[in-house]
Amino acid sequence: MSEGKIKRMMRDRGYGFIAGADGKEVFFHRSELQDVEFDDLSEGDSLEFEVTQGAKGPQAVKVKRV
């Protein structure tokens, strides 16, 4: 599992970007959230996630709030 903080959220589109501990940005979609609602998250919140290769690059899956 990787950890990072929410860098940007596109609330109207249901996705955002996480700044990982390694400094790289990773896309996440609300459908990958576990035990938390998208609307309960804010920029700067810490998350734990796994990274997979999506169609447009790295993508966070199994996303949980820390």
N, C-alpha and C. Protein backbone atom coordinates (compact mmCIF):
# COMPACT_ATOMS: atom_id res chain seq x y z
N MET A 1 0.84 -1.19 0.00
CA MET A 1 0.00 0.00 0.00
C MET A 1 0.88 1.25 0.00
N SER A 2 0.41 2.26 -0.70
CA SER A 2 1.09 3.55 -0.75
C SER A 2 0.28 4.55 0.07
N GLU A 3 0.92 5.64 0.44
CA GLU A 3 0.23 6.71 1.15
C GLU A 3 0.49 8.04 0.47
N GLY A 4 -0.46 8.95 0.63
CA GLY A 4 -0.32 10.28 0.07
C GLY A 4 -1.44 11.17 0.56
N LYS A 5 -1.44 12.40 0.07
CA LYS A 5 -2.47 13.37 0.45
C LYS A 5 -3.19 13.85 -0.79
N ILE A 6 -4.47 14.17 -0.62
CA ILE A 6 -5.26 14.68 -1.74
C ILE A 6 -4.71 16.05 -2.14
N LYS A 7 -4.34 16.15 -3.40
CA LYS A 7 -3.79 17.40 -3.92
C LYS A 7 -4.88 18.26 -4.55
N ARG A 8 -5.76 17.60 -5.33
CA ARG A 8 -6.83 18.31 -6.04
C ARG A 8 -8.04 17.42 -6.12
N MET A 9 -9.22 18.04 -6.04
CA MET A 9 -10.48 17.30 -6.20
C MET A 9 -11.35 18.01 -7.22
N MET A 10 -11.94 17.24 -8.12
CA MET A 10 -12.91 17.74 -9.08
C MET A 10 -14.27 17.20 -8.62
N ARG A 11 -14.87 17.89 -7.68
CA ARG A 11 -16.11 17.40 -7.05
C ARG A 11 -17.22 17.13 -8.06
N ASP A 12 -17.37 18.02 -9.02
CA ASP A 12 -18.46 17.87 -9.99
C ASP A 12 -18.25 16.68 -10.92
N ARG A 13 -17.03 16.17 -11.00
CA ARG A 13 -16.73 15.04 -11.90
C ARG A 13 -16.46 13.74 -11.15
N GLY A 14 -16.32 13.82 -9.82
CA GLY A 14 -16.15 12.61 -9.02
C GLY A 14 -14.77 11.99 -9.03
N TYR A 15 -13.75 12.81 -9.23
CA TYR A 15 -12.39 12.28 -9.17
C TYR A 15 -11.44 13.33 -8.61
N GLY A 16 -10.21 12.89 -8.39
CA GLY A 16 -9.19 13.79 -7.88
C GLY A 16 -7.81 13.23 -8.10
N PHE A 17 -6.83 13.90 -7.49
CA PHE A 17 -5.44 13.50 -7.63
C PHE A 17 -4.79 13.46 -6.26
N ILE A 18 -3.97 12.43 -6.06
CA ILE A 18 -3.27 12.24 -4.81
C ILE A 18 -1.79 12.53 -5.05
N ALA A 19 -1.17 13.30 -4.16
CA ALA A 19 0.28 13.50 -4.20
C ALA A 19 0.88 12.40 -3.33
N GLY A 20 1.54 11.45 -3.97
CA GLY A 20 2.12 10.33 -3.25
C GLY A 20 3.35 10.75 -2.46
N ALA A 21 3.79 9.90 -1.54
CA ALA A 21 4.97 10.17 -0.73
C ALA A 21 6.21 10.36 -1.60
N ASP A 22 6.21 9.76 -2.79
CA ASP A 22 7.34 9.88 -3.71
C ASP A 22 7.27 11.16 -4.56
N GLY A 23 6.21 11.97 -4.35
CA GLY A 23 6.06 13.22 -5.07
C GLY A 23 5.28 13.10 -6.37
N LYS A 24 4.95 11.89 -6.79
CA LYS A 24 4.21 11.70 -8.03
C LYS A 24 2.72 11.82 -7.79
N GLU A 25 2.01 12.35 -8.79
CA GLU A 25 0.55 12.48 -8.72
C GLU A 25 -0.12 11.25 -9.27
N VAL A 26 -1.16 10.81 -8.56
CA VAL A 26 -1.91 9.62 -8.97
C VAL A 26 -3.40 9.98 -9.02
N PHE A 27 -4.05 9.60 -10.10
CA PHE A 27 -5.49 9.81 -10.30
C PHE A 27 -6.28 8.86 -9.40
N PHE A 28 -7.40 9.32 -8.84
CA PHE A 28 -8.33 8.42 -8.17
C PHE A 28 -9.77 8.79 -8.54
N HIS A 29 -10.63 7.78 -8.59
CA HIS A 29 -12.05 7.97 -8.90
C HIS A 29 -12.88 7.58 -7.70
N ARG A 30 -14.00 8.24 -7.53
CA ARG A 30 -14.87 7.97 -6.36
C ARG A 30 -15.29 6.51 -6.26
N SER A 31 -15.34 5.80 -7.36
CA SER A 31 -15.75 4.39 -7.34
C SER A 31 -14.72 3.49 -6.66
N GLU A 32 -13.50 3.98 -6.44
CA GLU A 32 -12.45 3.19 -5.80
C GLU A 32 -12.34 3.46 -4.30
N LEU A 33 -13.20 4.32 -3.75
CA LEU A 33 -13.15 4.63 -2.33
C LEU A 33 -13.73 3.49 -1.50
N GLN A 34 -13.10 3.21 -0.36
CA GLN A 34 -13.56 2.19 0.56
C GLN A 34 -13.76 2.81 1.93
N ASP A 35 -14.91 2.60 2.53
CA ASP A 35 -15.21 3.06 3.89
C ASP A 35 -15.21 4.58 4.06
N VAL A 36 -15.36 5.32 2.97
CA VAL A 36 -15.48 6.77 3.04
C VAL A 36 -16.24 7.25 1.80
N GLU A 37 -17.01 8.31 1.97
CA GLU A 37 -17.75 8.90 0.85
C GLU A 37 -16.92 10.01 0.22
N PHE A 38 -17.00 10.15 -1.08
CA PHE A 38 -16.26 11.17 -1.81
C PHE A 38 -16.51 12.56 -1.24
N ASP A 39 -17.76 12.87 -0.92
CA ASP A 39 -18.12 14.20 -0.42
C ASP A 39 -17.59 14.47 0.98
N ASP A 40 -17.11 13.43 1.68
CA ASP A 40 -16.54 13.60 3.02
C ASP A 40 -15.04 13.89 2.98
N LEU A 41 -14.44 13.83 1.80
CA LEU A 41 -13.01 14.07 1.66
C LEU A 41 -12.72 15.54 1.33
N SER A 42 -11.53 15.98 1.71
CA SER A 42 -11.09 17.35 1.42
C SER A 42 -9.64 17.33 0.96
N GLU A 43 -9.24 18.35 0.24
CA GLU A 43 -7.84 18.47 -0.16
C GLU A 43 -6.98 18.50 1.09
N GLY A 44 -5.88 17.74 1.07
CA GLY A 44 -4.99 17.65 2.21
C GLY A 44 -5.22 16.41 3.07
N ASP A 45 -6.35 15.73 2.89
CA ASP A 45 -6.61 14.50 3.65
C ASP A 45 -5.60 13.42 3.26
N SER A 46 -5.18 12.63 4.24
CA SER A 46 -4.26 11.53 4.00
C SER A 46 -5.01 10.29 3.57
N LEU A 47 -4.48 9.61 2.55
CA LEU A 47 -5.10 8.41 2.01
C LEU A 47 -4.09 7.28 1.90
N GLU A 48 -4.62 6.07 1.92
CA GLU A 48 -3.83 4.86 1.68
C GLU A 48 -4.44 4.21 0.45
N PHE A 49 -3.60 3.68 -0.45
CA PHE A 49 -4.11 3.17 -1.72
C PHE A 49 -3.10 2.25 -2.38
N GLU A 50 -3.58 1.53 -3.37
CA GLU A 50 -2.71 0.73 -4.23
C GLU A 50 -2.68 1.41 -5.59
N VAL A 51 -1.59 1.24 -6.31
CA VAL A 51 -1.46 1.86 -7.63
C VAL A 51 -1.50 0.80 -8.71
N THR A 52 -2.31 1.06 -9.73
CA THR A 52 -2.39 0.19 -10.90
C THR A 52 -2.22 1.05 -12.14
N GLN A 53 -1.97 0.43 -13.25
CA GLN A 53 -1.82 1.18 -14.50
C GLN A 53 -3.17 1.30 -15.18
N GLY A 54 -3.70 2.52 -15.27
CA GLY A 54 -4.97 2.77 -15.94
C GLY A 54 -4.74 3.10 -17.41
N ALA A 55 -5.80 3.38 -18.13
CA ALA A 55 -5.71 3.70 -19.55
C ALA A 55 -4.89 4.97 -19.82
N LYS A 56 -4.90 5.90 -18.86
CA LYS A 56 -4.18 7.17 -19.07
C LYS A 56 -3.01 7.36 -18.12
N GLY A 57 -2.58 6.28 -17.46
CA GLY A 57 -1.44 6.38 -16.55
C GLY A 57 -1.75 5.76 -15.21
N PRO A 58 -0.91 6.03 -14.20
CA PRO A 58 -1.11 5.44 -12.87
C PRO A 58 -2.46 5.85 -12.28
N GLN A 59 -3.10 4.90 -11.60
CA GLN A 59 -4.41 5.13 -11.02
C GLN A 59 -4.47 4.47 -9.65
N ALA A 60 -5.03 5.18 -8.67
CA ALA A 60 -5.18 4.65 -7.32
C ALA A 60 -6.43 3.78 -7.24
N VAL A 61 -6.30 2.62 -6.59
CA VAL A 61 -7.42 1.71 -6.36
C VAL A 61 -7.41 1.35 -4.88
N LYS A 62 -8.55 0.84 -4.40
CA LYS A 62 -8.69 0.46 -2.97
C LYS A 62 -8.28 1.62 -2.07
N VAL A 63 -8.86 2.78 -2.32
CA VAL A 63 -8.50 4.02 -1.62
C VAL A 63 -9.22 4.12 -0.28
N LYS A 64 -8.46 4.34 0.79
CA LYS A 64 -9.01 4.48 2.14
C LYS A 64 -8.43 5.72 2.80
N ARG A 65 -9.22 6.35 3.67
CA ARG A 65 -8.70 7.47 4.45
C ARG A 65 -7.86 6.90 5.59
N VAL A 66 -6.74 7.54 5.88
CA VAL A 66 -5.85 7.09 6.96
C VAL A 66 -6.29 7.74 8.25
